PDB file of N, CA and C in Angstrom:
ATOM      1  N   UNK A   1      -5.468  10.869  15.294  1.00  0.00           N
ATOM      2  CA  UNK A   1      -5.157  11.302  13.950  1.00  0.00           C
ATOM      3  C   UNK A   1      -5.175  10.085  13.025  1.00  0.00           C
ATOM      4  N   UNK A   2      -5.524  10.330  11.786  1.00  0.00           N
ATOM      5  CA  UNK A   2      -5.543   9.258  10.789  1.00  0.00           C
ATOM      6  C   UNK A   2      -4.317   9.362   9.890  1.00  0.00           C
ATOM      7  N   UNK A   3      -3.861   8.180   9.430  1.00  0.00           N
ATOM      8  CA  UNK A   3      -2.673   8.107   8.582  1.00  0.00           C
ATOM      9  C   UNK A   3      -2.969   7.237   7.375  1.00  0.00           C
ATOM     10  N   UNK A   4      -2.562   7.723   6.210  1.00  0.00           N
ATOM     11  CA  UNK A   4      -2.653   6.975   4.963  1.00  0.00           C
ATOM     12  C   UNK A   4      -1.354   6.198   4.799  1.00  0.00           C
ATOM     13  N   UNK A   5      -1.471   4.900   4.585  1.00  0.00           N
ATOM     14  CA  UNK A   5      -0.293   4.048   4.395  1.00  0.00           C
ATOM     15  C   UNK A   5      -0.340   3.463   2.988  1.00  0.00           C
ATOM     16  N   UNK A   6       0.732   3.659   2.252  1.00  0.00           N
ATOM     17  CA  UNK A   6       0.829   3.168   0.884  1.00  0.00           C
ATOM     18  C   UNK A   6       1.887   2.076   0.842  1.00  0.00           C
ATOM     19  N   UNK A   7       1.494   0.909   0.361  1.00  0.00           N
ATOM     20  CA  UNK A   7       2.413  -0.220   0.251  1.00  0.00           C
ATOM     21  C   UNK A   7       2.941  -0.332  -1.161  1.00  0.00           C
ATOM     22  N   UNK A   8       4.257  -0.248  -1.319  1.00  0.00           N
ATOM     23  CA  UNK A   8       4.902  -0.292  -2.628  1.00  0.00           C
ATOM     24  C   UNK A   8       5.617  -1.628  -2.845  1.00  0.00           C
ATOM     25  N   UNK A   9       5.829  -1.970  -4.117  1.00  0.00           N
ATOM     26  CA  UNK A   9       6.586  -3.167  -4.482  1.00  0.00           C
ATOM     27  C   UNK A   9       7.237  -2.954  -5.839  1.00  0.00           C
ATOM     28  N   UNK A  10       8.174  -3.836  -6.177  1.00  0.00           N
ATOM     29  CA  UNK A  10       8.841  -3.790  -7.477  1.00  0.00           C
ATOM     30  C   UNK A  10       8.164  -4.796  -8.402  1.00  0.00           C
ATOM     31  N   UNK A  11       7.395  -4.339  -9.397  1.00  0.00           N
ATOM     32  CA  UNK A  11       6.739  -5.285 -10.306  1.00  0.00           C
ATOM     33  C   UNK A  11       7.741  -6.122 -11.103  1.00  0.00           C
ATOM     34  N   UNK A  12       8.903  -5.538 -11.427  1.00  0.00           N
ATOM     35  CA  UNK A  12       9.902  -6.288 -12.187  1.00  0.00           C
ATOM     36  C   UNK A  12      10.391  -7.500 -11.398  1.00  0.00           C
ATOM     37  N   UNK A  13      10.660  -7.291 -10.118  1.00  0.00           N
ATOM     38  CA  UNK A  13      11.161  -8.389  -9.288  1.00  0.00           C
ATOM     39  C   UNK A  13      10.080  -9.430  -9.045  1.00  0.00           C
ATOM     40  N   UNK A  14       8.844  -8.985  -8.869  1.00  0.00           N
ATOM     41  CA  UNK A  14       7.769  -9.947  -8.649  1.00  0.00           C
ATOM     42  C   UNK A  14       7.477 -10.717  -9.935  1.00  0.00           C
ATOM     43  N   UNK A  15       7.495 -10.022 -11.076  1.00  0.00           N
ATOM     44  CA  UNK A  15       7.237 -10.688 -12.357  1.00  0.00           C
ATOM     45  C   UNK A  15       8.324 -11.700 -12.706  1.00  0.00           C
ATOM     46  N   UNK A  16       9.540 -11.473 -12.214  1.00  0.00           N
ATOM     47  CA  UNK A  16      10.655 -12.373 -12.517  1.00  0.00           C
ATOM     48  C   UNK A  16      10.620 -13.647 -11.662  1.00  0.00           C
ATOM     49  N   UNK A  17       9.760 -13.679 -10.672  1.00  0.00           N
ATOM     50  CA  UNK A  17       9.677 -14.842  -9.779  1.00  0.00           C
ATOM     51  C   UNK A  17       8.622 -15.822 -10.267  1.00  0.00           C
ATOM     52  N   UNK A  18       8.829 -17.110 -10.022  1.00  0.00           N
ATOM     53  CA  UNK A  18       7.827 -18.105 -10.414  1.00  0.00           C
ATOM     54  C   UNK A  18       6.486 -17.848  -9.719  1.00  0.00           C
ATOM     55  N   UNK A  19       5.419 -18.108 -10.434  1.00  0.00           N
ATOM     56  CA  UNK A  19       4.072 -17.872  -9.912  1.00  0.00           C
ATOM     57  C   UNK A  19       3.851 -18.611  -8.588  1.00  0.00           C
ATOM     58  N   UNK A  20       4.350 -19.839  -8.483  1.00  0.00           N
ATOM     59  CA  UNK A  20       4.177 -20.623  -7.253  1.00  0.00           C
ATOM     60  C   UNK A  20       4.848 -19.935  -6.070  1.00  0.00           C
ATOM     61  N   UNK A  21       6.005 -19.328  -6.310  1.00  0.00           N
ATOM     62  CA  UNK A  21       6.703 -18.613  -5.230  1.00  0.00           C
ATOM     63  C   UNK A  21       5.885 -17.408  -4.767  1.00  0.00           C
ATOM     64  N   UNK A  22       5.332 -16.662  -5.709  1.00  0.00           N
ATOM     65  CA  UNK A  22       4.507 -15.494  -5.372  1.00  0.00           C
ATOM     66  C   UNK A  22       3.275 -15.934  -4.582  1.00  0.00           C
ATOM     67  N   UNK A  23       2.620 -17.010  -5.018  1.00  0.00           N
ATOM     68  CA  UNK A  23       1.442 -17.505  -4.306  1.00  0.00           C
ATOM     69  C   UNK A  23       1.794 -17.921  -2.879  1.00  0.00           C
ATOM     70  N   UNK A  24       2.952 -18.538  -2.694  1.00  0.00           N
ATOM     71  CA  UNK A  24       3.397 -18.935  -1.355  1.00  0.00           C
ATOM     72  C   UNK A  24       3.617 -17.699  -0.479  1.00  0.00           C
ATOM     73  N   UNK A  25       4.292 -16.703  -1.029  1.00  0.00           N
ATOM     74  CA  UNK A  25       4.552 -15.473  -0.277  1.00  0.00           C
ATOM     75  C   UNK A  25       3.243 -14.799   0.099  1.00  0.00           C
ATOM     76  N   UNK A  26       2.324 -14.698  -0.844  1.00  0.00           N
ATOM     77  CA  UNK A  26       1.043 -14.044  -0.563  1.00  0.00           C
ATOM     78  C   UNK A  26       0.244 -14.805   0.493  1.00  0.00           C
ATOM     79  N   UNK A  27       0.352 -16.127   0.496  1.00  0.00           N
ATOM     80  CA  UNK A  27      -0.362 -16.908   1.523  1.00  0.00           C
ATOM     81  C   UNK A  27       0.233 -16.660   2.903  1.00  0.00           C
ATOM     82  N   UNK A  28       1.509 -16.298   2.966  1.00  0.00           N
ATOM     83  CA  UNK A  28       2.158 -15.987   4.239  1.00  0.00           C
ATOM     84  C   UNK A  28       1.738 -14.622   4.778  1.00  0.00           C
ATOM     85  N   UNK A  29       1.102 -13.824   3.955  1.00  0.00           N
ATOM     86  CA  UNK A  29       0.683 -12.484   4.374  1.00  0.00           C
ATOM     87  C   UNK A  29      -0.497 -12.512   5.349  1.00  0.00           C
ATOM     88  N   UNK A  30      -1.407 -13.451   5.175  1.00  0.00           N
ATOM     89  CA  UNK A  30      -2.664 -13.443   5.921  1.00  0.00           C
ATOM     90  C   UNK A  30      -2.500 -13.376   7.440  1.00  0.00           C
ATOM     91  N   UNK A  31      -1.647 -14.204   8.058  1.00  0.00           N
ATOM     92  CA  UNK A  31      -1.513 -14.104   9.516  1.00  0.00           C
ATOM     93  C   UNK A  31      -1.052 -12.717   9.977  1.00  0.00           C
ATOM     94  N   UNK A  32      -0.209 -12.076   9.183  1.00  0.00           N
ATOM     95  CA  UNK A  32       0.269 -10.734   9.540  1.00  0.00           C
ATOM     96  C   UNK A  32      -0.830  -9.700   9.373  1.00  0.00           C
ATOM     97  N   UNK A  33      -1.660  -9.866   8.338  1.00  0.00           N
ATOM     98  CA  UNK A  33      -2.793  -8.970   8.165  1.00  0.00           C
ATOM     99  C   UNK A  33      -3.765  -9.112   9.335  1.00  0.00           C
ATOM    100  N   UNK A  34      -3.979 -10.334   9.803  1.00  0.00           N
ATOM    101  CA  UNK A  34      -4.868 -10.548  10.937  1.00  0.00           C
ATOM    102  C   UNK A  34      -4.343  -9.835  12.176  1.00  0.00           C
ATOM    103  N   UNK A  35      -3.035  -9.853  12.402  1.00  0.00           N
ATOM    104  CA  UNK A  35      -2.442  -9.128  13.532  1.00  0.00           C
ATOM    105  C   UNK A  35      -2.646  -7.628  13.373  1.00  0.00           C
ATOM    106  N   UNK A  36      -2.478  -7.138  12.151  1.00  0.00           N
ATOM    107  CA  UNK A  36      -2.704  -5.722  11.871  1.00  0.00           C
ATOM    108  C   UNK A  36      -4.147  -5.350  12.208  1.00  0.00           C
ATOM    109  N   UNK A  37      -5.096  -6.164  11.762  1.00  0.00           N
ATOM    110  CA  UNK A  37      -6.516  -5.888  12.015  1.00  0.00           C
ATOM    111  C   UNK A  37      -6.851  -5.979  13.496  1.00  0.00           C
ATOM    112  N   UNK A  38      -6.211  -6.910  14.211  1.00  0.00           N
ATOM    113  CA  UNK A  38      -6.464  -7.067  15.649  1.00  0.00           C
ATOM    114  C   UNK A  38      -6.079  -5.817  16.436  1.00  0.00           C
ATOM    115  N   UNK A  39      -5.228  -4.984  15.872  1.00  0.00           N
ATOM    116  CA  UNK A  39      -4.838  -3.752  16.560  1.00  0.00           C
ATOM    117  C   UNK A  39      -6.055  -2.864  16.804  1.00  0.00           C
ATOM    118  N   UNK A  40      -7.108  -3.056  15.997  1.00  0.00           N
ATOM    119  CA  UNK A  40      -8.305  -2.221  16.121  1.00  0.00           C
ATOM    120  C   UNK A  40      -8.110  -0.824  15.565  1.00  0.00           C
ATOM    121  N   UNK A  41      -6.993  -0.577  14.904  1.00  0.00           N
ATOM    122  CA  UNK A  41      -6.691   0.766  14.427  1.00  0.00           C
ATOM    123  C   UNK A  41      -6.745   0.897  12.904  1.00  0.00           C
ATOM    124  N   UNK A  42      -7.122  -0.192  12.230  1.00  0.00           N
ATOM    125  CA  UNK A  42      -7.233  -0.145  10.768  1.00  0.00           C
ATOM    126  C   UNK A  42      -8.651   0.291  10.407  1.00  0.00           C
ATOM    127  N   UNK A  43      -8.755   1.390   9.712  1.00  0.00           N
ATOM    128  CA  UNK A  43     -10.056   1.921   9.294  1.00  0.00           C
ATOM    129  C   UNK A  43     -10.451   1.338   7.950  1.00  0.00           C
ATOM    130  N   UNK A  44      -9.459   1.154   7.081  1.00  0.00           N
ATOM    131  CA  UNK A  44      -9.700   0.665   5.728  1.00  0.00           C
ATOM    132  C   UNK A  44      -8.435  -0.017   5.232  1.00  0.00           C
ATOM    133  N   UNK A  45      -8.588  -1.099   4.477  1.00  0.00           N
ATOM    134  CA  UNK A  45      -7.445  -1.780   3.861  1.00  0.00           C
ATOM    135  C   UNK A  45      -7.888  -2.294   2.504  1.00  0.00           C
ATOM    136  N   UNK A  46      -7.155  -1.923   1.461  1.00  0.00           N
ATOM    137  CA  UNK A  46      -7.499  -2.372   0.109  1.00  0.00           C
ATOM    138  C   UNK A  46      -6.236  -2.765  -0.647  1.00  0.00           C
ATOM    139  N   UNK A  47      -6.373  -3.723  -1.523  1.00  0.00           N
ATOM    140  CA  UNK A  47      -5.330  -4.047  -2.492  1.00  0.00           C
ATOM    141  C   UNK A  47      -5.727  -3.374  -3.791  1.00  0.00           C
ATOM    142  N   UNK A  48      -4.766  -2.848  -4.508  1.00  0.00           N
ATOM    143  CA  UNK A  48      -5.097  -2.146  -5.747  1.00  0.00           C
ATOM    144  C   UNK A  48      -4.507  -2.871  -6.953  1.00  0.00           C
ATOM    145  N   UNK A  49      -5.184  -2.740  -8.069  1.00  0.00           N
ATOM    146  CA  UNK A  49      -4.778  -3.360  -9.326  1.00  0.00           C
ATOM    147  C   UNK A  49      -3.615  -2.583  -9.930  1.00  0.00           C
ATOM    148  N   UNK A  50      -2.947  -3.184 -10.875  1.00  0.00           N
ATOM    149  CA  UNK A  50      -1.824  -2.524 -11.533  1.00  0.00           C
ATOM    150  C   UNK A  50      -2.254  -1.505 -12.584  1.00  0.00           C
ATOM    151  N   UNK A  51      -3.499  -1.600 -13.052  1.00  0.00           N
ATOM    152  CA  UNK A  51      -3.978  -0.643 -14.052  1.00  0.00           C
ATOM    153  C   UNK A  51      -4.090   0.735 -13.418  1.00  0.00           C
ATOM    154  N   UNK A  52      -3.505   1.735 -14.083  1.00  0.00           N
ATOM    155  CA  UNK A  52      -3.506   3.097 -13.550  1.00  0.00           C
ATOM    156  C   UNK A  52      -3.901   4.056 -14.662  1.00  0.00           C
ATOM    157  N   UNK A  53      -4.794   4.950 -14.361  1.00  0.00           N
ATOM    158  CA  UNK A  53      -5.147   6.056 -15.255  1.00  0.00           C
ATOM    159  C   UNK A  53      -4.852   7.344 -14.508  1.00  0.00           C
ATOM    160  N   UNK A  54      -4.290   8.308 -15.189  1.00  0.00           N
ATOM    161  CA  UNK A  54      -3.966   9.589 -14.586  1.00  0.00           C
ATOM    162  C   UNK A  54      -4.822  10.673 -15.220  1.00  0.00           C
ATOM    163  N   UNK A  55      -5.347  11.541 -14.388  1.00  0.00           N
ATOM    164  CA  UNK A  55      -6.154  12.660 -14.851  1.00  0.00           C
ATOM    165  C   UNK A  55      -5.382  13.954 -14.626  1.00  0.00           C
ATOM    166  N   UNK A  56      -5.411  14.809 -15.645  1.00  0.00           N
ATOM    167  CA  UNK A  56      -4.720  16.083 -15.529  1.00  0.00           C
ATOM    168  C   UNK A  56      -5.467  17.108 -16.368  1.00  0.00           C
ATOM    169  N   UNK A  57      -5.647  18.272 -15.813  1.00  0.00           N
ATOM    170  CA  UNK A  57      -6.298  19.331 -16.556  1.00  0.00           C
ATOM    171  C   UNK A  57      -5.268  20.005 -17.450  1.00  0.00           C
ATOM    172  N   UNK A  58      -5.574  20.044 -18.757  1.00  0.00           N
ATOM    173  CA  UNK A  58      -4.678  20.667 -19.742  1.00  0.00           C
ATOM    174  C   UNK A  58      -5.537  21.435 -20.741  1.00  0.00           C
ATOM    175  N   UNK A  59      -5.210  22.695 -20.946  1.00  0.00           N
ATOM    176  CA  UNK A  59      -5.919  23.535 -21.926  1.00  0.00           C
ATOM    177  C   UNK A  59      -7.424  23.525 -21.697  1.00  0.00           C
ATOM    178  N   UNK A  60      -7.835  23.583 -20.446  1.00  0.00           N
ATOM    179  CA  UNK A  60      -9.256  23.670 -20.119  1.00  0.00           C
ATOM    180  C   UNK A  60     -10.008  22.359 -20.181  1.00  0.00           C
ATOM    181  N   UNK A  61      -9.320  21.255 -20.416  1.00  0.00           N
ATOM    182  CA  UNK A  61      -9.968  19.946 -20.503  1.00  0.00           C
ATOM    183  C   UNK A  61      -9.254  18.958 -19.587  1.00  0.00           C
ATOM    184  N   UNK A  62      -9.979  17.931 -19.195  1.00  0.00           N
ATOM    185  CA  UNK A  62      -9.365  16.870 -18.412  1.00  0.00           C
ATOM    186  C   UNK A  62      -8.833  15.821 -19.382  1.00  0.00           C
ATOM    187  N   UNK A  63      -7.539  15.567 -19.291  1.00  0.00           N
ATOM    188  CA  UNK A  63      -6.914  14.555 -20.135  1.00  0.00           C
ATOM    189  C   UNK A  63      -6.661  13.300 -19.308  1.00  0.00           C
ATOM    190  N   UNK A  64      -6.886  12.146 -19.933  1.00  0.00           N
ATOM    191  CA  UNK A  64      -6.659  10.860 -19.287  1.00  0.00           C
ATOM    192  C   UNK A  64      -5.466  10.200 -19.962  1.00  0.00           C
ATOM    193  N   UNK A  65      -4.486   9.819 -19.150  1.00  0.00           N
ATOM    194  CA  UNK A  65      -3.312   9.141 -19.682  1.00  0.00           C
ATOM    195  C   UNK A  65      -3.090   7.845 -18.915  1.00  0.00           C
ATOM    196  N   UNK A  66      -2.257   6.996 -19.503  1.00  0.00           N
ATOM    197  CA  UNK A  66      -1.870   5.771 -18.810  1.00  0.00           C
ATOM    198  C   UNK A  66      -0.917   6.145 -17.695  1.00  0.00           C
ATOM    199  N   UNK A  67      -0.960   5.402 -16.605  1.00  0.00           N
ATOM    200  CA  UNK A  67      -0.111   5.721 -15.456  1.00  0.00           C
ATOM    201  C   UNK A  67       0.948   4.671 -15.263  1.00  0.00           C
ATOM    202  N   UNK A  68       1.664   4.696 -14.180  1.00  0.00           N
ATOM    203  CA  UNK A  68       1.502   5.708 -13.138  1.00  0.00           C
ATOM    204  C   UNK A  68       2.104   7.046 -13.552  1.00  0.00           C
ATOM    205  N   UNK A  69       1.587   8.104 -12.955  1.00  0.00           N
ATOM    206  CA  UNK A  69       2.028   9.452 -13.291  1.00  0.00           C
ATOM    207  C   UNK A  69       3.464   9.687 -12.831  1.00  0.00           C
ATOM    208  N   UNK A  70       3.782   9.252 -11.613  1.00  0.00           N
ATOM    209  CA  UNK A  70       5.141   9.416 -11.093  1.00  0.00           C
ATOM    210  C   UNK A  70       6.078   8.452 -11.815  1.00  0.00           C
ATOM    211  N   UNK A  71       7.227   8.931 -12.168  1.00  0.00           N
ATOM    212  CA  UNK A  71       8.216   8.088 -12.843  1.00  0.00           C
ATOM    213  C   UNK A  71       8.990   7.313 -11.788  1.00  0.00           C
ATOM    214  N   UNK A  72       8.657   6.044 -11.641  1.00  0.00           N
ATOM    215  CA  UNK A  72       9.278   5.228 -10.615  1.00  0.00           C
ATOM    216  C   UNK A  72       9.298   3.772 -11.044  1.00  0.00           C
ATOM    217  N   UNK A  73      10.161   2.978 -10.441  1.00  0.00           N
ATOM    218  CA  UNK A  73      10.206   1.548 -10.703  1.00  0.00           C
ATOM    219  C   UNK A  73       9.290   0.795  -9.755  1.00  0.00           C
ATOM    220  N   UNK A  74       8.632   1.506  -8.861  1.00  0.00           N
ATOM    221  CA  UNK A  74       7.749   0.881  -7.883  1.00  0.00           C
ATOM    222  C   UNK A  74       6.293   1.087  -8.281  1.00  0.00           C
ATOM    223  N   UNK A  75       5.452   0.200  -7.753  1.00  0.00           N
ATOM    224  CA  UNK A  75       4.007   0.317  -7.943  1.00  0.00           C
ATOM    225  C   UNK A  75       3.351   0.249  -6.573  1.00  0.00           C
ATOM    226  N   UNK A  76       2.197   0.867  -6.439  1.00  0.00           N
ATOM    227  CA  UNK A  76       1.422   0.756  -5.215  1.00  0.00           C
ATOM    228  C   UNK A  76       0.605  -0.523  -5.304  1.00  0.00           C
ATOM    229  N   UNK A  77       0.716  -1.363  -4.290  1.00  0.00           N
ATOM    230  CA  UNK A  77      -0.027  -2.621  -4.268  1.00  0.00           C
ATOM    231  C   UNK A  77      -1.109  -2.642  -3.217  1.00  0.00           C
ATOM    232  N   UNK A  78      -0.964  -1.809  -2.191  1.00  0.00           N
ATOM    233  CA  UNK A  78      -1.976  -1.771  -1.144  1.00  0.00           C
ATOM    234  C   UNK A  78      -2.057  -0.369  -0.556  1.00  0.00           C
ATOM    235  N   UNK A  79      -3.221  -0.080  -0.008  1.00  0.00           N
ATOM    236  CA  UNK A  79      -3.477   1.195   0.635  1.00  0.00           C
ATOM    237  C   UNK A  79      -4.276   0.888   1.888  1.00  0.00           C
ATOM    238  N   UNK A  80      -3.866   1.463   3.016  1.00  0.00           N
ATOM    239  CA  UNK A  80      -4.687   1.315   4.203  1.00  0.00           C
ATOM    240  C   UNK A  80      -4.634   2.583   5.029  1.00  0.00           C
ATOM    241  N   UNK A  81      -5.685   2.798   5.802  1.00  0.00           N
ATOM    242  CA  UNK A  81      -5.783   3.950   6.688  1.00  0.00           C
ATOM    243  C   UNK A  81      -5.846   3.425   8.112  1.00  0.00           C
ATOM    244  N   UNK A  82      -5.018   4.015   8.961  1.00  0.00           N
ATOM    245  CA  UNK A  82      -5.030   3.637  10.369  1.00  0.00           C
ATOM    246  C   UNK A  82      -5.283   4.881  11.215  1.00  0.00           C
ATOM    247  N   UNK A  83      -5.697   4.640  12.441  1.00  0.00           N
ATOM    248  CA  UNK A  83      -5.861   5.725  13.394  1.00  0.00           C
ATOM    249  C   UNK A  83      -4.838   5.512  14.498  1.00  0.00           C
ATOM    250  N   UNK A  84      -4.110   6.572  14.834  1.00  0.00           N
ATOM    251  CA  UNK A  84      -3.073   6.484  15.853  1.00  0.00           C
ATOM    252  C   UNK A  84      -2.949   7.834  16.557  1.00  0.00           C
ATOM    253  N   UNK A  85      -2.392   7.802  17.749  1.00  0.00           N
ATOM    254  CA  UNK A  85      -2.227   9.035  18.524  1.00  0.00           C
ATOM    255  C   UNK A  85      -1.192   9.968  17.905  1.00  0.00           C
ATOM    256  N   UNK A  86      -0.132   9.384  17.338  1.00  0.00           N
ATOM    257  CA  UNK A  86       0.937  10.182  16.749  1.00  0.00           C
ATOM    258  C   UNK A  86       1.691   9.324  15.731  1.00  0.00           C
ATOM    259  N   UNK A  87       2.692   9.911  15.102  1.00  0.00           N
ATOM    260  CA  UNK A  87       3.428   9.200  14.048  1.00  0.00           C
ATOM    261  C   UNK A  87       4.165   7.984  14.603  1.00  0.00           C
ATOM    262  N   UNK A  88       4.650   8.061  15.838  1.00  0.00           N
ATOM    263  CA  UNK A  88       5.340   6.907  16.421  1.00  0.00           C
ATOM    264  C   UNK A  88       4.396   5.718  16.540  1.00  0.00           C
ATOM    265  N   UNK A  89       3.171   5.969  16.985  1.00  0.00           N
ATOM    266  CA  UNK A  89       2.205   4.873  17.082  1.00  0.00           C
ATOM    267  C   UNK A  89       1.798   4.398  15.688  1.00  0.00           C
ATOM    268  N   UNK A  90       1.679   5.313  14.740  1.00  0.00           N
ATOM    269  CA  UNK A  90       1.338   4.931  13.362  1.00  0.00           C
ATOM    270  C   UNK A  90       2.410   4.011  12.786  1.00  0.00           C
ATOM    271  N   UNK A  91       3.666   4.306  13.075  1.00  0.00           N
ATOM    272  CA  UNK A  91       4.762   3.460  12.613  1.00  0.00           C
ATOM    273  C   UNK A  91       4.659   2.077  13.253  1.00  0.00           C
ATOM    274  N   UNK A  92       4.371   2.038  14.548  1.00  0.00           N
ATOM    275  CA  UNK A  92       4.250   0.754  15.245  1.00  0.00           C
ATOM    276  C   UNK A  92       3.140  -0.094  14.637  1.00  0.00           C
ATOM    277  N   UNK A  93       1.992   0.518  14.396  1.00  0.00           N
ATOM    278  CA  UNK A  93       0.855  -0.226  13.837  1.00  0.00           C
ATOM    279  C   UNK A  93       1.154  -0.649  12.400  1.00  0.00           C
ATOM    280  N   UNK A  94       1.648   0.263  11.575  1.00  0.00           N
ATOM    281  CA  UNK A  94       1.933  -0.059  10.168  1.00  0.00           C
ATOM    282  C   UNK A  94       2.997  -1.150  10.056  1.00  0.00           C
ATOM    283  N   UNK A  95       3.882  -1.228  11.038  1.00  0.00           N
ATOM    284  CA  UNK A  95       4.940  -2.246  10.976  1.00  0.00           C
ATOM    285  C   UNK A  95       4.408  -3.654  11.183  1.00  0.00           C
ATOM    286  N   UNK A  96       3.131  -3.801  11.548  1.00  0.00           N
ATOM    287  CA  UNK A  96       2.505  -5.121  11.643  1.00  0.00           C
ATOM    288  C   UNK A  96       2.155  -5.675  10.262  1.00  0.00           C
ATOM    289  N   UNK A  97       2.140  -4.819   9.255  1.00  0.00           N
ATOM    290  CA  UNK A  97       1.764  -5.203   7.891  1.00  0.00           C
ATOM    291  C   UNK A  97       2.785  -6.201   7.326  1.00  0.00           C
ATOM    292  N   UNK A  98       2.332  -7.141   6.487  1.00  0.00           N
ATOM    293  CA  UNK A  98       3.250  -8.128   5.890  1.00  0.00           C
ATOM    294  C   UNK A  98       4.442  -7.505   5.162  1.00  0.00           C
ATOM    295  N   UNK A  99       4.266  -6.312   4.642  1.00  0.00           N
ATOM    296  CA  UNK A  99       5.345  -5.633   3.929  1.00  0.00           C
ATOM    297  C   UNK A  99       6.623  -5.591   4.752  1.00  0.00           C
ATOM    298  N   UNK A 100       6.478  -5.375   6.054  1.00  0.00           N
ATOM    299  CA  UNK A 100       7.652  -5.259   6.919  1.00  0.00           C
ATOM    300  C   UNK A 100       7.921  -6.523   7.727  1.00  0.00           C
ATOM    301  N   UNK A 101       6.992  -7.462   7.724  1.00  0.00           N
ATOM    302  CA  UNK A 101       7.127  -8.661   8.540  1.00  0.00           C
ATOM    303  C   UNK A 101       7.741  -9.846   7.802  1.00  0.00           C
ATOM    304  N   UNK A 102       7.541  -9.924   6.498  1.00  0.00           N
ATOM    305  CA  UNK A 102       8.015 -11.075   5.727  1.00  0.00           C
ATOM    306  C   UNK A 102       9.385 -10.814   5.116  1.00  0.00           C
ATOM    307  N   UNK A 103      10.240 -11.830   5.132  1.00  0.00           N
ATOM    308  CA  UNK A 103      11.554 -11.716   4.494  1.00  0.00           C
ATOM    309  C   UNK A 103      11.426 -11.381   3.008  1.00  0.00           C
ATOM    310  N   UNK A 104      10.348 -11.825   2.382  1.00  0.00           N
ATOM    311  CA  UNK A 104      10.136 -11.555   0.951  1.00  0.00           C
ATOM    312  C   UNK A 104      10.048 -10.062   0.679  1.00  0.00           C
ATOM    313  N   UNK A 105       9.739  -9.279   1.704  1.00  0.00           N
ATOM    314  CA  UNK A 105       9.679  -7.831   1.534  1.00  0.00           C
ATOM    315  C   UNK A 105      10.979  -7.257   0.997  1.00  0.00           C
ATOM    316  N   UNK A 106      12.079  -7.799   1.457  1.00  0.00           N
ATOM    317  CA  UNK A 106      13.381  -7.344   0.947  1.00  0.00           C
ATOM    318  C   UNK A 106      13.577  -7.777  -0.497  1.00  0.00           C
ATOM    319  N   UNK A 107      13.210  -9.009  -0.788  1.00  0.00           N
ATOM    320  CA  UNK A 107      13.389  -9.574  -2.131  1.00  0.00           C
ATOM    321  C   UNK A 107      12.620  -8.793  -3.188  1.00  0.00           C
ATOM    322  N   UNK A 108      11.412  -8.339  -2.835  1.00  0.00           N
ATOM    323  CA  UNK A 108      10.542  -7.672  -3.808  1.00  0.00           C
ATOM    324  C   UNK A 108      10.466  -6.161  -3.602  1.00  0.00           C
ATOM    325  N   UNK A 109      11.391  -5.618  -2.800  1.00  0.00           N
ATOM    326  CA  UNK A 109      11.437  -4.164  -2.542  1.00  0.00           C
ATOM    327  C   UNK A 109      10.116  -3.623  -1.991  1.00  0.00           C
ATOM    328  N   UNK A 110       9.505  -4.356  -1.079  1.00  0.00           N
ATOM    329  CA  UNK A 110       8.280  -3.877  -0.449  1.00  0.00           C
ATOM    330  C   UNK A 110       8.632  -2.766   0.527  1.00  0.00           C
ATOM    331  N   UNK A 111       7.780  -1.770   0.608  1.00  0.00           N
ATOM    332  CA  UNK A 111       7.935  -0.718   1.611  1.00  0.00           C
ATOM    333  C   UNK A 111       6.595  -0.052   1.855  1.00  0.00           C
ATOM    334  N   UNK A 112       6.496   0.610   2.979  1.00  0.00           N
ATOM    335  CA  UNK A 112       5.277   1.337   3.322  1.00  0.00           C
ATOM    336  C   UNK A 112       5.635   2.803   3.523  1.00  0.00           C
ATOM    337  N   UNK A 113       4.834   3.642   2.932  1.00  0.00           N
ATOM    338  CA  UNK A 113       4.949   5.087   3.117  1.00  0.00           C
ATOM    339  C   UNK A 113       3.772   5.502   4.003  1.00  0.00           C
ATOM    340  N   UNK A 114       4.033   6.297   5.026  1.00  0.00           N
ATOM    341  CA  UNK A 114       2.989   6.730   5.959  1.00  0.00           C
ATOM    342  C   UNK A 114       2.847   8.245   5.848  1.00  0.00           C
ATOM    343  N   UNK A 115       1.594   8.692   5.640  1.00  0.00           N
ATOM    344  CA  UNK A 115       1.339  10.131   5.529  1.00  0.00           C
ATOM    345  C   UNK A 115       0.179  10.520   6.432  1.00  0.00           C
ATOM    346  N   UNK A 116       0.344  11.551   7.247  1.00  0.00           N
ATOM    347  CA  UNK A 116      -0.786  12.045   8.042  1.00  0.00           C
ATOM    348  C   UNK A 116      -1.891  12.543   7.107  1.00  0.00           C
ATOM    349  N   UNK A 117      -3.128  12.295   7.487  1.00  0.00           N
ATOM    350  CA  UNK A 117      -4.282  12.741   6.702  1.00  0.00           C
ATOM    351  C   UNK A 117      -4.808  14.029   7.327  1.00  0.00           C
ATOM    352  N   UNK A 118      -4.979  15.053   6.527  1.00  0.00           N
ATOM    353  CA  UNK A 118      -5.467  16.338   7.029  1.00  0.00           C
ATOM    354  C   UNK A 118      -6.970  16.354   7.216  1.00  0.00           C
ATOM    355  N   UNK A 119      -7.687  15.622   6.392  1.00  0.00           N
ATOM    356  CA  UNK A 119      -9.129  15.487   6.574  1.00  0.00           C
ATOM    357  C   UNK A 119      -9.561  14.120   6.094  1.00  0.00           C
ATOM    358  N   UNK A 120     -10.653  13.643   6.658  1.00  0.00           N
ATOM    359  CA  UNK A 120     -11.169  12.328   6.320  1.00  0.00           C
ATOM    360  C   UNK A 120     -12.682  12.406   6.415  1.00  0.00           C
ATOM    361  N   UNK A 121     -13.360  12.155   5.320  1.00  0.00           N
ATOM    362  CA  UNK A 121     -14.814  12.166   5.330  1.00  0.00           C
ATOM    363  C   UNK A 121     -15.279  10.794   4.892  1.00  0.00           C
ATOM    364  N   UNK A 122     -16.014  10.162   5.779  1.00  0.00           N
ATOM    365  CA  UNK A 122     -16.581   8.856   5.472  1.00  0.00           C
ATOM    366  C   UNK A 122     -17.922   9.076   4.808  1.00  0.00           C
ATOM    367  N   UNK A 123     -18.074   8.496   3.662  1.00  0.00           N
ATOM    368  CA  UNK A 123     -19.338   8.643   2.912  1.00  0.00           C
ATOM    369  C   UNK A 123     -20.409   7.788   3.572  1.00  0.00           C
ATOM    370  N   UNK A 124     -21.520   8.383   3.811  1.00  0.00           N
ATOM    371  CA  UNK A 124     -22.652   7.682   4.450  1.00  0.00           C
ATOM    372  C   UNK A 124     -23.448   6.887   3.444  1.00  0.00           C
TER     373      UNK A 124
END
């Protein structure tokens, strides 16, 4: 089964930190990402920008608004898809991600949300 993993963070807390500190933390992520990739279960991994546009159909037209659509203090910073036998294995694999491995995760409110994927079509 495939699982969608969404990595969240607090932009306010990250913005309040010195740029050098953020760069140091991000450089500490790479070894953990390599361990995640070595699992052989990562299908896709992407970092996403902070710019968000939301699409919604209203009165027969598609309206575009600034996002994020959900009212939250968190932002999505990364998205990855893994393949695992069940949710327990998905949790084990996702826990290799820097979000859960680095102490900075607590400081910046990092977390990962894991959702089973009902269908997955790879574009040829």
